[in-house]
Amino acid sequence: PADRVPILRLDPGGAAAPVSALAFAPDGNSLFVGGFDKLVRVYSKKAGQWVPAEPLRLPVGPGNAGAVNAVAVSPDGKWLAVAGRAPMRDEAKFGQDGSVVDTKQIPPAMKRDLGTIYLFDLTKPNGNRVIRGMLGEIRALAFATPSPAAGPVVVAAGIEWTDA
C-alpha cells in the first residue's frame, strides 16, 4: 500500500524546515527542537558544546501531513511530550495540503488523530506512549505536578473542531 512505501530521508544535520518548538531538560544539558520537518532533534551539552544526538521520529505521514508544534519536558526529566498536527488516516480525501476541510464530513476517529501527543520515556527507549483524544491540532504543551506522589501531568492546548 502507498502508506507503506519506504521513504528516503536525508539528514542535513540540522532542521530541514521551520522550527516551531524548543524545550530544555531540567538539568539544562539537553535541548529538544521540533518543527515542520516532523522530527524532534536532540542536542546534548558536552564540554561546553551542543552535540547532536539521534533525532526522535514521529509516526506522521509524508508531505504536509503532520508537524511538530510543541515540545515539553517533565520536571523530573523523564518524559518528553511532543505534539502538533498529526495526519488524518485518509489524508488524500480530507486535504492535508492545507485546503479547506468540512469538519462535518470527518469521522470522530480521524478527528482524534489530529490531536495526538507522543510521550517519549527518556530513560527507557521502549517506554513510549501515545495519547489521543483532542479533536484538533495541538499548539502548546506543558507539564504540571499537582500531586508529587502521582507524578507529572501533561497539559495540552490547541484548536478543537466542533460540528456546530
N, C-alpha and C. Protein backbone atom coordinates (compact mmCIF):
# COMPACT_ATOMS: atom_id res chain seq x y z
N PRO A 1 0.81 -1.20 0.00
CA PRO A 1 0.00 0.00 0.00
C PRO A 1 0.86 1.27 0.00
N ALA A 2 0.29 2.36 -0.45
CA ALA A 2 1.03 3.62 -0.57
C ALA A 2 1.60 4.09 0.76
N ASP A 3 0.92 3.84 1.88
CA ASP A 3 1.42 4.31 3.17
C ASP A 3 2.55 3.45 3.71
N ARG A 4 2.90 2.39 3.03
CA ARG A 4 3.98 1.50 3.46
C ARG A 4 5.21 1.58 2.56
N VAL A 5 5.18 2.49 1.59
CA VAL A 5 6.30 2.65 0.67
C VAL A 5 7.47 3.29 1.43
N PRO A 6 8.67 2.72 1.31
CA PRO A 6 9.81 3.32 2.00
C PRO A 6 10.07 4.74 1.52
N ILE A 7 10.51 5.59 2.44
CA ILE A 7 10.83 6.97 2.11
C ILE A 7 12.30 7.22 2.44
N LEU A 8 13.03 7.77 1.50
CA LEU A 8 14.42 8.13 1.74
C LEU A 8 14.46 9.47 2.45
N ARG A 9 15.09 9.52 3.60
CA ARG A 9 15.22 10.77 4.35
C ARG A 9 16.69 11.11 4.47
N LEU A 10 17.05 12.28 4.00
CA LEU A 10 18.41 12.75 4.12
C LEU A 10 18.48 13.70 5.30
N ASP A 11 19.46 13.54 6.15
CA ASP A 11 19.59 14.36 7.34
C ASP A 11 20.67 15.40 7.11
N PRO A 12 20.28 16.68 7.00
CA PRO A 12 21.28 17.73 6.76
C PRO A 12 22.08 18.09 8.01
N GLY A 13 21.77 17.45 9.16
CA GLY A 13 22.49 17.74 10.39
C GLY A 13 21.84 18.83 11.22
N GLY A 14 20.78 19.39 10.73
CA GLY A 14 20.02 20.41 11.45
C GLY A 14 18.61 20.43 10.91
N ALA A 15 17.83 21.36 11.36
CA ALA A 15 16.44 21.44 10.92
C ALA A 15 16.35 21.61 9.41
N ALA A 16 15.43 20.86 8.80
CA ALA A 16 15.23 20.92 7.36
C ALA A 16 13.96 21.69 7.00
N ALA A 17 13.33 22.29 8.01
CA ALA A 17 12.10 23.05 7.84
C ALA A 17 11.99 24.01 9.02
N PRO A 18 11.01 24.91 9.00
CA PRO A 18 10.89 25.85 10.11
C PRO A 18 10.79 25.18 11.47
N VAL A 19 11.45 25.76 12.45
CA VAL A 19 11.41 25.27 13.84
C VAL A 19 10.25 25.96 14.54
N SER A 20 9.46 25.18 15.29
CA SER A 20 8.30 25.75 15.97
C SER A 20 8.28 25.48 17.47
N ALA A 21 9.24 24.71 17.98
CA ALA A 21 9.21 24.39 19.41
C ALA A 21 10.61 24.08 19.93
N LEU A 22 10.86 24.55 21.16
CA LEU A 22 12.13 24.29 21.85
C LEU A 22 11.83 23.96 23.31
N ALA A 23 12.61 23.05 23.87
CA ALA A 23 12.48 22.76 25.31
C ALA A 23 13.83 22.26 25.82
N PHE A 24 14.21 22.76 26.99
CA PHE A 24 15.41 22.29 27.66
C PHE A 24 15.03 21.28 28.73
N ALA A 25 15.88 20.31 28.95
CA ALA A 25 15.72 19.39 30.08
C ALA A 25 15.93 20.18 31.36
N PRO A 26 15.36 19.73 32.48
CA PRO A 26 15.51 20.47 33.74
C PRO A 26 16.97 20.71 34.15
N ASP A 27 17.86 19.80 33.80
CA ASP A 27 19.26 19.98 34.19
C ASP A 27 20.02 20.91 33.24
N GLY A 28 19.36 21.34 32.15
CA GLY A 28 19.98 22.26 31.20
C GLY A 28 20.99 21.63 30.27
N ASN A 29 21.13 20.32 30.30
CA ASN A 29 22.14 19.64 29.47
C ASN A 29 21.59 19.00 28.20
N SER A 30 20.29 19.08 27.99
CA SER A 30 19.69 18.55 26.76
C SER A 30 18.73 19.59 26.20
N LEU A 31 18.71 19.71 24.89
CA LEU A 31 17.82 20.62 24.19
C LEU A 31 17.04 19.80 23.16
N PHE A 32 15.73 20.01 23.11
CA PHE A 32 14.85 19.31 22.18
C PHE A 32 14.25 20.36 21.24
N VAL A 33 14.37 20.13 19.92
CA VAL A 33 13.95 21.09 18.91
C VAL A 33 12.99 20.40 17.95
N GLY A 34 11.77 20.95 17.83
CA GLY A 34 10.78 20.36 16.93
C GLY A 34 10.33 21.36 15.90
N GLY A 35 9.79 20.83 14.79
CA GLY A 35 9.33 21.73 13.75
C GLY A 35 8.58 21.03 12.65
N PHE A 36 8.54 21.71 11.50
CA PHE A 36 7.77 21.22 10.38
C PHE A 36 8.44 20.06 9.65
N ASP A 37 9.67 19.70 10.03
CA ASP A 37 10.29 18.52 9.40
C ASP A 37 9.88 17.24 10.11
N LYS A 38 8.97 17.35 11.09
CA LYS A 38 8.36 16.21 11.78
C LYS A 38 9.33 15.42 12.63
N LEU A 39 10.44 16.01 12.98
CA LEU A 39 11.44 15.37 13.84
C LEU A 39 11.58 16.17 15.11
N VAL A 40 12.05 15.51 16.15
CA VAL A 40 12.50 16.23 17.33
C VAL A 40 14.00 16.00 17.38
N ARG A 41 14.73 17.06 17.13
CA ARG A 41 16.18 16.96 17.16
C ARG A 41 16.63 17.11 18.60
N VAL A 42 17.59 16.27 18.97
CA VAL A 42 18.07 16.22 20.35
C VAL A 42 19.54 16.66 20.35
N TYR A 43 19.85 17.59 21.24
CA TYR A 43 21.22 18.07 21.39
C TYR A 43 21.62 17.91 22.85
N SER A 44 22.84 17.42 23.07
CA SER A 44 23.37 17.27 24.43
C SER A 44 24.57 18.19 24.60
N LYS A 45 24.67 18.78 25.78
CA LYS A 45 25.78 19.68 26.06
C LYS A 45 26.96 18.85 26.56
N LYS A 46 28.07 18.92 25.81
CA LYS A 46 29.28 18.18 26.17
C LYS A 46 30.48 19.11 25.99
N ALA A 47 31.22 19.29 27.05
CA ALA A 47 32.40 20.15 27.04
C ALA A 47 32.08 21.54 26.52
N GLY A 48 30.92 22.07 26.90
CA GLY A 48 30.54 23.41 26.51
C GLY A 48 30.00 23.55 25.10
N GLN A 49 29.85 22.44 24.38
CA GLN A 49 29.34 22.46 23.01
C GLN A 49 28.03 21.67 22.93
N TRP A 50 27.13 22.12 22.05
CA TRP A 50 25.90 21.37 21.81
C TRP A 50 26.14 20.35 20.71
N VAL A 51 26.03 19.08 21.08
CA VAL A 51 26.32 17.97 20.16
C VAL A 51 25.02 17.28 19.77
N PRO A 52 24.75 17.13 18.45
CA PRO A 52 23.50 16.47 18.05
C PRO A 52 23.53 14.98 18.37
N ALA A 53 22.38 14.48 18.78
CA ALA A 53 22.19 13.05 19.01
C ALA A 53 21.17 12.55 17.98
N GLU A 54 20.84 11.29 18.05
CA GLU A 54 19.86 10.72 17.12
C GLU A 54 18.51 11.41 17.32
N PRO A 55 17.90 11.93 16.23
CA PRO A 55 16.60 12.59 16.40
C PRO A 55 15.49 11.59 16.71
N LEU A 56 14.42 12.08 17.31
CA LEU A 56 13.24 11.27 17.58
C LEU A 56 12.30 11.44 16.39
N ARG A 57 11.88 10.34 15.81
CA ARG A 57 10.99 10.39 14.65
C ARG A 57 9.56 10.10 15.08
N LEU A 58 8.65 10.91 14.57
CA LEU A 58 7.24 10.72 14.87
C LEU A 58 6.58 9.95 13.75
N PRO A 59 5.59 9.13 14.07
CA PRO A 59 4.90 8.36 13.03
C PRO A 59 3.85 9.21 12.32
N VAL A 60 4.32 10.20 11.56
CA VAL A 60 3.40 11.03 10.79
C VAL A 60 3.67 10.83 9.31
N GLY A 61 2.67 11.16 8.50
CA GLY A 61 2.71 10.87 7.08
C GLY A 61 3.63 11.76 6.26
N PRO A 62 3.66 11.51 4.96
CA PRO A 62 4.54 12.25 4.05
C PRO A 62 3.98 13.63 3.72
N GLY A 63 4.80 14.44 3.08
CA GLY A 63 4.36 15.75 2.63
C GLY A 63 3.96 16.65 3.77
N ASN A 64 2.83 17.34 3.60
CA ASN A 64 2.35 18.27 4.62
C ASN A 64 1.57 17.58 5.73
N ALA A 65 1.52 16.26 5.72
CA ALA A 65 0.74 15.53 6.72
C ALA A 65 1.48 15.47 8.04
N GLY A 66 1.36 16.51 8.81
CA GLY A 66 1.93 16.49 10.15
C GLY A 66 3.01 17.53 10.35
N ALA A 67 3.12 17.97 11.59
CA ALA A 67 4.14 18.92 12.01
C ALA A 67 4.25 18.86 13.51
N VAL A 68 5.41 19.24 14.04
CA VAL A 68 5.61 19.34 15.48
C VAL A 68 5.42 20.81 15.86
N ASN A 69 4.42 21.07 16.70
CA ASN A 69 4.15 22.44 17.16
C ASN A 69 4.66 22.69 18.56
N ALA A 70 4.77 21.64 19.38
CA ALA A 70 5.08 21.85 20.79
C ALA A 70 5.90 20.69 21.34
N VAL A 71 6.84 21.01 22.22
CA VAL A 71 7.59 20.01 22.98
C VAL A 71 7.67 20.50 24.42
N ALA A 72 7.66 19.56 25.35
CA ALA A 72 7.79 19.90 26.77
C ALA A 72 8.47 18.74 27.47
N VAL A 73 9.30 19.07 28.46
CA VAL A 73 10.00 18.05 29.25
C VAL A 73 9.42 18.09 30.66
N SER A 74 9.15 16.91 31.21
CA SER A 74 8.60 16.84 32.56
C SER A 74 9.62 17.36 33.58
N PRO A 75 9.15 17.86 34.72
CA PRO A 75 10.05 18.42 35.73
C PRO A 75 11.10 17.44 36.24
N ASP A 76 10.78 16.14 36.19
CA ASP A 76 11.75 15.13 36.63
C ASP A 76 12.70 14.72 35.50
N GLY A 77 12.49 15.25 34.29
CA GLY A 77 13.37 14.95 33.16
C GLY A 77 13.15 13.58 32.55
N LYS A 78 12.13 12.86 32.99
CA LYS A 78 11.89 11.50 32.48
C LYS A 78 11.11 11.50 31.17
N TRP A 79 10.13 12.40 31.03
CA TRP A 79 9.23 12.37 29.87
C TRP A 79 9.43 13.57 28.96
N LEU A 80 9.35 13.30 27.66
CA LEU A 80 9.31 14.34 26.65
C LEU A 80 7.97 14.22 25.95
N ALA A 81 7.16 15.27 26.00
CA ALA A 81 5.88 15.28 25.30
C ALA A 81 6.05 16.06 24.00
N VAL A 82 5.52 15.50 22.92
CA VAL A 82 5.63 16.11 21.59
C VAL A 82 4.25 16.07 20.95
N ALA A 83 3.84 17.19 20.37
CA ALA A 83 2.53 17.22 19.72
C ALA A 83 2.51 18.28 18.63
N GLY A 84 1.46 18.25 17.86
CA GLY A 84 1.29 19.21 16.80
C GLY A 84 0.09 18.87 15.97
N ARG A 85 0.34 18.66 14.70
CA ARG A 85 -0.72 18.24 13.79
C ARG A 85 -0.34 16.89 13.24
N ALA A 86 -1.02 15.88 13.72
CA ALA A 86 -0.78 14.52 13.23
C ALA A 86 -1.64 14.30 11.99
N PRO A 87 -1.29 13.33 11.18
CA PRO A 87 -2.05 13.12 9.95
C PRO A 87 -3.38 12.44 10.21
N MET A 88 -4.35 12.77 9.36
CA MET A 88 -5.60 12.01 9.38
C MET A 88 -5.36 10.74 8.60
N ARG A 89 -6.11 9.71 8.90
CA ARG A 89 -5.88 8.40 8.28
C ARG A 89 -6.14 8.40 6.79
N ASP A 90 -7.04 9.23 6.32
CA ASP A 90 -7.35 9.29 4.89
C ASP A 90 -6.99 10.68 4.38
N GLU A 91 -5.67 10.97 4.36
CA GLU A 91 -5.23 12.33 4.08
C GLU A 91 -5.60 12.83 2.70
N ALA A 92 -5.66 11.96 1.69
CA ALA A 92 -5.96 12.42 0.34
C ALA A 92 -7.38 12.97 0.26
N LYS A 93 -8.32 12.34 0.93
CA LYS A 93 -9.72 12.76 0.86
C LYS A 93 -9.97 14.07 1.60
N PHE A 94 -9.23 14.31 2.68
CA PHE A 94 -9.53 15.45 3.53
C PHE A 94 -8.52 16.58 3.44
N GLY A 95 -7.68 16.61 2.44
CA GLY A 95 -6.88 17.78 2.14
C GLY A 95 -5.80 18.15 3.13
N GLN A 96 -4.85 17.27 3.39
CA GLN A 96 -3.75 17.58 4.28
C GLN A 96 -2.82 18.65 3.71
N ASP A 97 -3.02 19.05 2.48
CA ASP A 97 -2.15 20.05 1.87
C ASP A 97 -2.55 21.47 2.26
N GLY A 98 -3.48 21.61 3.18
CA GLY A 98 -3.87 22.93 3.65
C GLY A 98 -5.17 23.41 3.04
N SER A 99 -5.80 22.61 2.20
CA SER A 99 -7.07 23.04 1.63
C SER A 99 -8.16 23.04 2.69
N VAL A 100 -9.24 23.72 2.40
CA VAL A 100 -10.33 23.84 3.36
C VAL A 100 -10.99 22.48 3.55
N VAL A 101 -11.27 22.14 4.82
CA VAL A 101 -11.85 20.85 5.16
C VAL A 101 -13.20 21.09 5.83
N ASP A 102 -14.23 20.37 5.39
CA ASP A 102 -15.54 20.43 6.03
C ASP A 102 -15.50 19.46 7.20
N THR A 103 -15.43 19.98 8.42
CA THR A 103 -15.26 19.13 9.61
C THR A 103 -16.44 18.21 9.85
N LYS A 104 -17.61 18.53 9.30
CA LYS A 104 -18.77 17.64 9.49
C LYS A 104 -18.61 16.34 8.71
N GLN A 105 -17.71 16.32 7.74
CA GLN A 105 -17.50 15.14 6.92
C GLN A 105 -16.44 14.19 7.50
N ILE A 106 -15.75 14.62 8.55
CA ILE A 106 -14.66 13.82 9.10
C ILE A 106 -15.17 12.97 10.26
N PRO A 107 -15.01 11.66 10.19
CA PRO A 107 -15.44 10.80 11.29
C PRO A 107 -14.68 11.11 12.58
N PRO A 108 -15.29 10.89 13.74
CA PRO A 108 -14.64 11.19 15.03
C PRO A 108 -13.27 10.54 15.21
N ALA A 109 -13.07 9.32 14.73
CA ALA A 109 -11.77 8.65 14.89
C ALA A 109 -10.67 9.43 14.18
N MET A 110 -10.98 9.99 13.02
CA MET A 110 -9.98 10.77 12.29
C MET A 110 -9.70 12.09 13.00
N LYS A 111 -10.72 12.71 13.58
CA LYS A 111 -10.50 13.94 14.32
C LYS A 111 -9.57 13.70 15.51
N ARG A 112 -9.71 12.55 16.17
CA ARG A 112 -8.86 12.24 17.32
C ARG A 112 -7.40 12.04 16.90
N ASP A 113 -7.17 11.69 15.64
CA ASP A 113 -5.80 11.53 15.16
C ASP A 113 -5.07 12.87 15.10
N LEU A 114 -5.80 13.95 14.86
CA LEU A 114 -5.16 15.25 14.72
C LEU A 114 -4.49 15.70 16.00
N GLY A 115 -5.10 15.47 17.14
CA GLY A 115 -4.58 15.93 18.42
C GLY A 115 -3.83 14.86 19.17
N THR A 116 -2.86 14.26 18.55
CA THR A 116 -2.09 13.18 19.17
C THR A 116 -0.89 13.74 19.91
N ILE A 117 -0.67 13.24 21.14
CA ILE A 117 0.52 13.59 21.92
C ILE A 117 1.39 12.33 22.00
N TYR A 118 2.64 12.49 21.65
CA TYR A 118 3.59 11.39 21.74
C TYR A 118 4.44 11.62 22.99
N LEU A 119 4.45 10.65 23.88
CA LEU A 119 5.25 10.73 25.10
C LEU A 119 6.46 9.81 24.95
N PHE A 120 7.63 10.40 25.00
CA PHE A 120 8.87 9.63 24.92
C PHE A 120 9.43 9.48 26.33
N ASP A 121 9.69 8.24 26.73
CA ASP A 121 10.33 7.97 28.02
C ASP A 121 11.83 8.12 27.79
N LEU A 122 12.41 9.18 28.31
CA LEU A 122 13.83 9.47 28.06
C LEU A 122 14.76 8.53 28.82
N THR A 123 14.21 7.72 29.74
CA THR A 123 15.03 6.77 30.49
C THR A 123 14.97 5.36 29.92
N LYS A 124 13.92 5.07 29.12
CA LYS A 124 13.75 3.75 28.52
C LYS A 124 13.31 3.91 27.06
N PRO A 125 14.11 3.51 26.10
CA PRO A 125 13.75 3.70 24.70
C PRO A 125 12.43 3.04 24.29
N ASN A 126 12.02 1.97 24.96
CA ASN A 126 10.80 1.28 24.58
C ASN A 126 9.62 1.62 25.49
N GLY A 127 9.74 2.68 26.28
CA GLY A 127 8.67 3.04 27.20
C GLY A 127 7.77 4.14 26.69
N ASN A 128 7.76 4.38 25.39
CA ASN A 128 6.99 5.47 24.81
C ASN A 128 5.49 5.19 24.83
N ARG A 129 4.70 6.27 24.82
CA ARG A 129 3.24 6.15 24.86
C ARG A 129 2.62 7.15 23.91
N VAL A 130 1.35 6.91 23.57
CA VAL A 130 0.59 7.81 22.70
C VAL A 130 -0.71 8.18 23.42
N ILE A 131 -1.05 9.47 23.40
CA ILE A 131 -2.31 9.94 23.97
C ILE A 131 -3.12 10.55 22.83
N ARG A 132 -4.32 10.05 22.63
CA ARG A 132 -5.22 10.58 21.59
C ARG A 132 -6.46 11.17 22.26
N GLY A 133 -7.18 11.97 21.53
CA GLY A 133 -8.44 12.44 22.04
C GLY A 133 -8.75 13.90 21.76
N MET A 134 -7.74 14.74 21.64
CA MET A 134 -8.02 16.14 21.33
C MET A 134 -8.47 16.22 19.88
N LEU A 135 -9.54 16.93 19.62
CA LEU A 135 -10.14 16.95 18.29
C LEU A 135 -9.60 18.07 17.42
N GLY A 136 -8.31 18.20 17.38
CA GLY A 136 -7.70 19.22 16.55
C GLY A 136 -6.22 19.37 16.85
N GLU A 137 -5.60 20.23 16.10
CA GLU A 137 -4.16 20.47 16.18
C GLU A 137 -3.76 21.02 17.55
N ILE A 138 -2.70 20.46 18.12
CA ILE A 138 -2.19 20.91 19.41
C ILE A 138 -1.14 21.98 19.17
N ARG A 139 -1.25 23.11 19.89
CA ARG A 139 -0.34 24.23 19.70
C ARG A 139 0.63 24.42 20.85
N ALA A 140 0.30 23.91 22.06
CA ALA A 140 1.16 24.13 23.22
C ALA A 140 1.06 22.95 24.18
N LEU A 141 2.17 22.66 24.85
CA LEU A 141 2.24 21.60 25.85
C LEU A 141 2.96 22.13 27.08
N ALA A 142 2.58 21.60 28.23
CA ALA A 142 3.28 21.92 29.47
C ALA A 142 3.08 20.77 30.44
N PHE A 143 4.00 20.63 31.36
CA PHE A 143 3.85 19.65 32.43
C PHE A 143 3.53 20.38 33.72
N ALA A 144 2.72 19.75 34.54
CA ALA A 144 2.40 20.25 35.88
C ALA A 144 2.55 19.08 36.85
N THR A 145 2.76 19.40 38.10
CA THR A 145 2.85 18.37 39.13
C THR A 145 1.87 18.73 40.25
N PRO A 146 0.56 18.48 40.02
CA PRO A 146 -0.42 18.84 41.04
C PRO A 146 -0.29 18.02 42.32
N SER A 147 0.21 16.79 42.18
CA SER A 147 0.42 15.93 43.33
C SER A 147 1.77 15.23 43.15
N PRO A 148 2.77 15.61 43.91
CA PRO A 148 4.10 14.99 43.74
C PRO A 148 4.07 13.47 43.82
N ALA A 149 3.18 12.92 44.61
CA ALA A 149 3.10 11.47 44.74
C ALA A 149 2.58 10.82 43.45
N ALA A 150 1.73 11.53 42.72
CA ALA A 150 1.15 10.97 41.50
C ALA A 150 2.04 11.19 40.28
N GLY A 151 3.01 12.09 40.36
CA GLY A 151 3.89 12.36 39.24
C GLY A 151 3.35 13.46 38.35
N PRO A 152 4.09 13.78 37.28
CA PRO A 152 3.70 14.90 36.41
C PRO A 152 2.49 14.59 35.54
N VAL A 153 1.79 15.66 35.15
CA VAL A 153 0.63 15.58 34.27
C VAL A 153 0.94 16.47 33.07
N VAL A 154 0.66 15.96 31.88
CA VAL A 154 0.87 16.79 30.69
C VAL A 154 -0.44 17.50 30.35
N VAL A 155 -0.32 18.79 30.00
CA VAL A 155 -1.47 19.61 29.67
C VAL A 155 -1.27 20.10 28.23
N ALA A 156 -2.34 20.04 27.42
CA ALA A 156 -2.26 20.45 26.02
C ALA A 156 -3.28 21.54 25.73
N ALA A 157 -2.93 22.42 24.81
CA ALA A 157 -3.86 23.45 24.33
C ALA A 157 -3.78 23.50 22.82
N GLY A 158 -4.90 23.78 22.21
CA GLY A 158 -4.90 23.83 20.76
C GLY A 158 -6.23 24.29 20.22
N ILE A 159 -6.50 23.88 19.01
CA ILE A 159 -7.72 24.24 18.33
C ILE A 159 -8.55 22.97 18.14
N GLU A 160 -9.70 22.90 18.78
CA GLU A 160 -10.56 21.73 18.61
C GLU A 160 -11.66 22.05 17.62
N TRP A 161 -11.99 21.07 16.80
CA TRP A 161 -13.06 21.24 15.84
C TRP A 161 -14.38 20.82 16.48
N THR A 162 -15.41 21.50 16.13
CA THR A 162 -16.74 21.10 16.57
C THR A 162 -17.60 20.94 15.33
N ASP A 163 -18.69 20.28 15.47
CA ASP A 163 -19.61 20.10 14.34
C ASP A 163 -20.67 21.19 14.28
N ALA A 164 -20.55 22.17 15.16
CA ALA A 164 -21.55 23.25 15.21
C ALA A 164 -21.32 24.24 14.09
